[in-house]
PDB file of N, CA and C in Angstrom:
ATOM      1  N   MET A   1       0.556  -1.112  -0.112  1.00  0.00           N
ATOM      2  CA  MET A   1      -0.232  -0.085   0.451  1.00  0.00           C
ATOM      3  C   MET A   1       1.254   1.325  -0.039  1.00  0.00           C
ATOM      4  N   THR A   2       0.320   2.320  -0.851  1.00  0.00           N
ATOM      5  CA  THR A   2       1.109   3.550  -1.161  1.00  0.00           C
ATOM      6  C   THR A   2       1.013   4.548   0.433  1.00  0.00           C
ATOM      7  N   ASP A   3       1.813   5.056   0.502  1.00  0.00           N
ATOM      8  CA  ASP A   3       2.017   6.241   1.953  1.00  0.00           C
ATOM      9  C   ASP A   3       1.082   7.301   1.464  1.00  0.00           C
ATOM     10  N   SER A   4      -0.083   7.357   2.468  1.00  0.00           N
ATOM     11  CA  SER A   4      -1.231   8.386   1.872  1.00  0.00           C
ATOM     12  C   SER A   4      -1.151   9.478   2.850  1.00  0.00           C
ATOM     13  N   SER A   5       0.008   9.705   3.476  1.00  0.00           N
ATOM     14  CA  SER A   5       0.454  10.784   4.088  1.00  0.00           C
ATOM     15  C   SER A   5       0.624  12.561   3.058  1.00  0.00           C
ATOM     16  N   ASN A   6       0.781  11.835   2.389  1.00  0.00           N
ATOM     17  CA  ASN A   6       1.692  13.093   1.236  1.00  0.00           C
ATOM     18  C   ASN A   6       0.876  13.333  -0.156  1.00  0.00           C
ATOM     19  N   ASP A   7      -0.216  12.562  -0.267  1.00  0.00           N
ATOM     20  CA  ASP A   7      -0.811  12.582  -1.271  1.00  0.00           C
ATOM     21  C   ASP A   7      -1.757  13.573  -1.877  1.00  0.00           C
ATOM     22  N   ASN A   8      -2.693  14.476  -0.771  1.00  0.00           N
ATOM     23  CA  ASN A   8      -3.567  15.003  -0.532  1.00  0.00           C
ATOM     24  C   ASN A   8      -4.875  15.103  -0.857  1.00  0.00           C
ATOM     25  N   ILE A   9      -5.355  13.202  -0.785  1.00  0.00           N
ATOM     26  CA  ILE A   9      -6.296  13.350  -1.075  1.00  0.00           C
ATOM     27  C   ILE A   9      -7.341  13.164   0.363  1.00  0.00           C
ATOM     28  N   LYS A  10      -8.030  13.815   0.334  1.00  0.00           N
ATOM     29  CA  LYS A  10      -9.322  14.156   1.659  1.00  0.00           C
ATOM     30  C   LYS A  10      -9.851  12.759   1.969  1.00  0.00           C
ATOM     31  N   ARG A  11      -9.398  12.212   2.948  1.00  0.00           N
ATOM     32  CA  ARG A  11     -10.154  10.385   3.229  1.00  0.00           C
ATOM     33  C   ARG A  11     -11.630  10.697   4.488  1.00  0.00           C
ATOM     34  N   SER A  12     -12.745  10.274   3.989  1.00  0.00           N
ATOM     35  CA  SER A  12     -13.883  10.553   5.229  1.00  0.00           C
ATOM     36  C   SER A  12     -14.609   9.061   4.929  1.00  0.00           C
ATOM     37  N   LYS A  13     -15.673   9.227   5.888  1.00  0.00           N
ATOM     38  CA  LYS A  13     -16.032   7.833   5.910  1.00  0.00           C
ATOM     39  C   LYS A  13     -17.928   8.337   6.335  1.00  0.00           C
ATOM     40  N   GLY A  14     -18.993   7.715   6.034  1.00  0.00           N
ATOM     41  CA  GLY A  14     -20.125   7.722   5.821  1.00  0.00           C
ATOM     42  C   GLY A  14     -20.658   7.765   4.591  1.00  0.00           C
ATOM     43  N   ASN A  15     -22.538   8.109   4.624  1.00  0.00           N
ATOM     44  CA  ASN A  15     -22.915   8.059   3.744  1.00  0.00           C
ATOM     45  C   ASN A  15     -22.753   9.090   2.356  1.00  0.00           C
ATOM     46  N   PHE A  16     -22.871   8.723   1.331  1.00  0.00           N
ATOM     47  CA  PHE A  16     -22.707   9.259  -0.105  1.00  0.00           C
ATOM     48  C   PHE A  16     -24.254   9.729  -0.959  1.00  0.00           C
ATOM     49  N   ASP A  17     -24.478  10.914  -1.064  1.00  0.00           N
ATOM     50  CA  ASP A  17     -25.713  10.925  -1.975  1.00  0.00           C
ATOM     51  C   ASP A  17     -25.352  11.456  -2.939  1.00  0.00           C
ATOM     52  N   PRO A  18     -25.791  10.933  -4.276  1.00  0.00           N
ATOM     53  CA  PRO A  18     -25.223  11.057  -5.728  1.00  0.00           C
ATOM     54  C   PRO A  18     -25.841  12.674  -5.989  1.00  0.00           C
ATOM     55  N   THR A  19     -27.434  11.735  -5.826  1.00  0.00           N
ATOM     56  CA  THR A  19     -28.506  13.101  -6.259  1.00  0.00           C
ATOM     57  C   THR A  19     -27.855  15.064  -6.278  1.00  0.00           C
ATOM     58  N   THR A  20     -26.985  14.822  -4.625  1.00  0.00           N
ATOM     59  CA  THR A  20     -26.291  16.169  -4.536  1.00  0.00           C
ATOM     60  C   THR A  20     -24.788  16.608  -4.556  1.00  0.00           C
ATOM     61  N   GLU A  21     -24.443  15.781  -5.184  1.00  0.00           N
ATOM     62  CA  GLU A  21     -22.971  15.426  -5.314  1.00  0.00           C
ATOM     63  C   GLU A  21     -22.400  15.978  -7.180  1.00  0.00           C
ATOM     64  N   THR A  22     -22.229  17.222  -6.822  1.00  0.00           N
ATOM     65  CA  THR A  22     -21.344  17.951  -8.220  1.00  0.00           C
ATOM     66  C   THR A  22     -20.266  17.711  -8.549  1.00  0.00           C
ATOM     67  N   ARG A  23     -19.343  17.326  -7.945  1.00  0.00           N
ATOM     68  CA  ARG A  23     -18.376  16.623  -8.813  1.00  0.00           C
ATOM     69  C   ARG A  23     -17.962  15.057  -9.288  1.00  0.00           C
ATOM     70  N   ASP A  24     -17.180  15.314  -9.861  1.00  0.00           N
ATOM     71  CA  ASP A  24     -17.191  13.820 -11.237  1.00  0.00           C
ATOM     72  C   ASP A  24     -16.740  13.172 -10.097  1.00  0.00           C
ATOM     73  N   TRP A  25     -17.883  11.881 -10.384  1.00  0.00           N
ATOM     74  CA  TRP A  25     -17.882  10.620  -9.247  1.00  0.00           C
ATOM     75  C   TRP A  25     -17.559   8.868  -9.766  1.00  0.00           C
ATOM     76  N   SER A  26     -16.549   8.286  -8.988  1.00  0.00           N
ATOM     77  CA  SER A  26     -17.348   6.607  -9.408  1.00  0.00           C
ATOM     78  C   SER A  26     -17.357   5.857  -7.853  1.00  0.00           C
ATOM     79  N   ALA A  27     -17.571   5.226  -8.312  1.00  0.00           N
ATOM     80  CA  ALA A  27     -17.854   3.676  -6.946  1.00  0.00           C
ATOM     81  C   ALA A  27     -16.455   2.586  -7.402  1.00  0.00           C
ATOM     82  N   ALA A  28     -15.962   2.829  -6.154  1.00  0.00           N
ATOM     83  CA  ALA A  28     -15.153   1.195  -6.485  1.00  0.00           C
ATOM     84  C   ALA A  28     -15.204   0.232  -5.360  1.00  0.00           C
ATOM     85  N   VAL A  29     -14.199  -0.288  -5.409  1.00  0.00           N
ATOM     86  CA  VAL A  29     -14.076  -1.652  -4.351  1.00  0.00           C
ATOM     87  C   VAL A  29     -12.956  -1.184  -3.263  1.00  0.00           C
ATOM     88  N   SER A  30     -11.967  -0.289  -3.683  1.00  0.00           N
ATOM     89  CA  SER A  30     -11.169   0.409  -2.377  1.00  0.00           C
ATOM     90  C   SER A  30     -10.236   1.355  -3.457  1.00  0.00           C
ATOM     91  N   GLU A  31      -9.456   1.736  -2.504  1.00  0.00           N
ATOM     92  CA  GLU A  31      -8.595   3.487  -2.850  1.00  0.00           C
ATOM     93  C   GLU A  31      -8.006   2.888  -4.055  1.00  0.00           C
ATOM     94  N   GLU A  32      -7.115   1.930  -3.690  1.00  0.00           N
ATOM     95  CA  GLU A  32      -6.593   1.559  -4.976  1.00  0.00           C
ATOM     96  C   GLU A  32      -6.791   1.450  -6.300  1.00  0.00           C
ATOM     97  N   TYR A  33      -8.391   1.067  -6.278  1.00  0.00           N
ATOM     98  CA  TYR A  33      -9.236   1.282  -7.185  1.00  0.00           C
ATOM     99  C   TYR A  33      -9.248   2.323  -7.919  1.00  0.00           C
ATOM    100  N   CYS A  34      -9.849   3.399  -7.147  1.00  0.00           N
ATOM    101  CA  CYS A  34      -9.940   5.116  -7.524  1.00  0.00           C
ATOM    102  C   CYS A  34      -8.529   5.115  -8.257  1.00  0.00           C
ATOM    103  N   LYS A  35      -7.143   4.775  -7.470  1.00  0.00           N
ATOM    104  CA  LYS A  35      -6.064   5.380  -8.079  1.00  0.00           C
ATOM    105  C   LYS A  35      -6.330   4.870  -9.804  1.00  0.00           C
ATOM    106  N   ARG A  36      -6.472   3.539  -9.874  1.00  0.00           N
ATOM    107  CA  ARG A  36      -6.558   3.011 -11.212  1.00  0.00           C
ATOM    108  C   ARG A  36      -7.337   4.062 -11.672  1.00  0.00           C
ATOM    109  N   ILE A  37      -8.250   3.940 -11.506  1.00  0.00           N
ATOM    110  CA  ILE A  37      -9.375   5.060 -12.631  1.00  0.00           C
ATOM    111  C   ILE A  37      -9.012   6.474 -12.647  1.00  0.00           C
ATOM    112  N   ALA A  38      -8.622   6.682 -12.242  1.00  0.00           N
ATOM    113  CA  ALA A  38      -7.703   8.081 -12.161  1.00  0.00           C
ATOM    114  C   ALA A  38      -7.200   7.921 -12.781  1.00  0.00           C
ATOM    115  N   LYS A  39      -6.145   7.169 -12.945  1.00  0.00           N
ATOM    116  CA  LYS A  39      -4.306   6.646 -13.613  1.00  0.00           C
ATOM    117  C   LYS A  39      -5.002   6.795 -15.523  1.00  0.00           C
ATOM    118  N   ASN A  40      -6.136   5.622 -15.415  1.00  0.00           N
ATOM    119  CA  ASN A  40      -6.639   5.522 -16.818  1.00  0.00           C
ATOM    120  C   ASN A  40      -7.563   6.497 -17.506  1.00  0.00           C
ATOM    121  N   THR A  41      -7.676   7.498 -16.443  1.00  0.00           N
ATOM    122  CA  THR A  41      -8.561   8.439 -16.974  1.00  0.00           C
ATOM    123  C   THR A  41      -8.241   9.521 -16.855  1.00  0.00           C
ATOM    124  N   ASN A  42      -6.683  10.023 -17.076  1.00  0.00           N
ATOM    125  CA  ASN A  42      -5.824  11.009 -17.077  1.00  0.00           C
ATOM    126  C   ASN A  42      -6.915  12.373 -15.851  1.00  0.00           C
ATOM    127  N   ARG A  43      -7.138  11.593 -14.649  1.00  0.00           N
ATOM    128  CA  ARG A  43      -7.715  12.804 -13.651  1.00  0.00           C
ATOM    129  C   ARG A  43      -7.187  12.204 -12.531  1.00  0.00           C
ATOM    130  N   ARG A  44      -7.264  13.034 -11.800  1.00  0.00           N
ATOM    131  CA  ARG A  44      -6.968  12.804  -9.875  1.00  0.00           C
ATOM    132  C   ARG A  44      -7.925  13.014  -8.710  1.00  0.00           C
ATOM    133  N   VAL A  45      -7.807  11.961  -8.092  1.00  0.00           N
ATOM    134  CA  VAL A  45      -8.642  11.912  -7.375  1.00  0.00           C
ATOM    135  C   VAL A  45      -8.472  13.147  -5.809  1.00  0.00           C
ATOM    136  N   VAL A  46      -9.290  13.383  -5.444  1.00  0.00           N
ATOM    137  CA  VAL A  46      -9.568  14.665  -4.667  1.00  0.00           C
ATOM    138  C   VAL A  46      -9.489  14.068  -3.198  1.00  0.00           C
ATOM    139  N   GLU A  47     -11.280  13.035  -3.488  1.00  0.00           N
ATOM    140  CA  GLU A  47     -11.258  12.682  -2.066  1.00  0.00           C
ATOM    141  C   GLU A  47     -11.550  11.683  -2.215  1.00  0.00           C
ATOM    142  N   VAL A  48     -12.044  10.380  -1.070  1.00  0.00           N
ATOM    143  CA  VAL A  48     -12.850   9.544  -0.841  1.00  0.00           C
ATOM    144  C   VAL A  48     -13.116   8.904   0.365  1.00  0.00           C
ATOM    145  N   ILE A  49     -14.447   9.028  -0.209  1.00  0.00           N
ATOM    146  CA  ILE A  49     -15.388   8.372   1.005  1.00  0.00           C
ATOM    147  C   ILE A  49     -15.733   6.844   0.837  1.00  0.00           C
ATOM    148  N   ASP A  50     -15.503   6.658   2.231  1.00  0.00           N
ATOM    149  CA  ASP A  50     -16.119   4.874   2.598  1.00  0.00           C
ATOM    150  C   ASP A  50     -16.774   4.778   3.008  1.00  0.00           C
ATOM    151  N   THR A  51     -18.351   4.498   1.990  1.00  0.00           N
ATOM    152  CA  THR A  51     -19.723   4.739   2.950  1.00  0.00           C
ATOM    153  C   THR A  51     -19.834   2.654   3.421  1.00  0.00           C
ATOM    154  N   GLU A  52     -18.772   2.038   3.524  1.00  0.00           N
ATOM    155  CA  GLU A  52     -19.203   0.328   4.332  1.00  0.00           C
ATOM    156  C   GLU A  52     -20.090  -0.536   3.456  1.00  0.00           C
ATOM    157  N   ASP A  53     -20.457   0.589   2.290  1.00  0.00           N
ATOM    158  CA  ASP A  53     -21.509  -0.580   1.868  1.00  0.00           C
ATOM    159  C   ASP A  53     -20.945  -1.886   1.232  1.00  0.00           C
ATOM    160  N   GLU A  54     -21.294  -3.132   1.019  1.00  0.00           N
ATOM    161  CA  GLU A  54     -20.952  -3.870   0.682  1.00  0.00           C
ATOM    162  C   GLU A  54     -20.591  -4.331  -0.855  1.00  0.00           C
ATOM    163  N   LEU A  55     -20.850  -4.465  -1.927  1.00  0.00           N
ATOM    164  CA  LEU A  55     -20.521  -4.163  -2.974  1.00  0.00           C
ATOM    165  C   LEU A  55     -19.481  -3.160  -3.480  1.00  0.00           C
ATOM    166  N   LEU A  56     -19.845  -2.265  -3.524  1.00  0.00           N
ATOM    167  CA  LEU A  56     -18.783  -0.859  -3.613  1.00  0.00           C
ATOM    168  C   LEU A  56     -18.394   0.140  -2.914  1.00  0.00           C
ATOM    169  N   PRO A  57     -17.923   0.196  -1.556  1.00  0.00           N
ATOM    170  CA  PRO A  57     -17.774   0.677  -0.449  1.00  0.00           C
ATOM    171  C   PRO A  57     -17.265   1.937  -0.943  1.00  0.00           C
ATOM    172  N   VAL A  58     -16.501   2.375  -1.784  1.00  0.00           N
ATOM    173  CA  VAL A  58     -15.859   3.756  -1.770  1.00  0.00           C
ATOM    174  C   VAL A  58     -16.014   4.366  -3.172  1.00  0.00           C
ATOM    175  N   ILE A  59     -16.066   5.657  -2.665  1.00  0.00           N
ATOM    176  CA  ILE A  59     -16.878   6.484  -3.446  1.00  0.00           C
ATOM    177  C   ILE A  59     -15.389   7.275  -3.745  1.00  0.00           C
ATOM    178  N   CYS A  60     -14.816   7.361  -5.186  1.00  0.00           N
ATOM    179  CA  CYS A  60     -14.042   8.138  -5.953  1.00  0.00           C
ATOM    180  C   CYS A  60     -14.006   9.231  -6.206  1.00  0.00           C
ATOM    181  N   ILE A  61     -14.181  10.618  -5.865  1.00  0.00           N
ATOM    182  CA  ILE A  61     -14.104  11.950  -6.139  1.00  0.00           C
ATOM    183  C   ILE A  61     -12.761  12.400  -6.867  1.00  0.00           C
ATOM    184  N   PHE A  62     -13.364  13.293  -8.534  1.00  0.00           N
ATOM    185  CA  PHE A  62     -12.161  13.890  -9.108  1.00  0.00           C
ATOM    186  C   PHE A  62     -12.068  15.079  -9.265  1.00  0.00           C
ATOM    187  N   GLU A  63     -10.932  15.781 -10.072  1.00  0.00           N
ATOM    188  CA  GLU A  63     -10.933  16.778  -9.382  1.00  0.00           C
ATOM    189  C   GLU A  63     -11.712  17.284 -10.994  1.00  0.00           C
ATOM    190  N   ASP A  64     -12.139  18.755 -10.664  1.00  0.00           N
ATOM    191  CA  ASP A  64     -12.770  19.307 -11.912  1.00  0.00           C
ATOM    192  C   ASP A  64     -11.962  19.281 -13.112  1.00  0.00           C
ATOM    193  N   ILE A  65     -12.682  18.468 -14.336  1.00  0.00           N
ATOM    194  CA  ILE A  65     -11.788  18.754 -15.559  1.00  0.00           C
ATOM    195  C   ILE A  65     -12.182  19.982 -15.962  1.00  0.00           C
ATOM    196  N   THR A  66     -11.381  20.535 -16.432  1.00  0.00           N
ATOM    197  CA  THR A  66     -11.009  22.008 -17.292  1.00  0.00           C
ATOM    198  C   THR A  66     -10.561  21.794 -18.152  1.00  0.00           C
ATOM    199  N   TYR A  67     -11.526  22.440 -19.690  1.00  0.00           N
ATOM    200  CA  TYR A  67     -11.004  22.148 -21.170  1.00  0.00           C
ATOM    201  C   TYR A  67     -10.671  23.821 -21.306  1.00  0.00           C
ATOM    202  N   ASP A  68      -9.661  23.756 -21.924  1.00  0.00           N
ATOM    203  CA  ASP A  68      -8.535  24.765 -22.231  1.00  0.00           C
ATOM    204  C   ASP A  68      -9.334  25.533 -24.058  1.00  0.00           C
TER     205      ASP A  68
END
């Protein structure tokens, strides 16, 4: 596992409401999968929410995409 103290990712636990979240997000099985998704889509993870749900317990929040 990687050192998470210097990666600037906000980590929290609790409920996630997809209807109120305005940022780009994806569900995953672990934080490592969040990082894989980010790498494969050229994005950066800014927040990880552990919902403790059974199938996909982790919500990955990605930085806003800006187009030049």
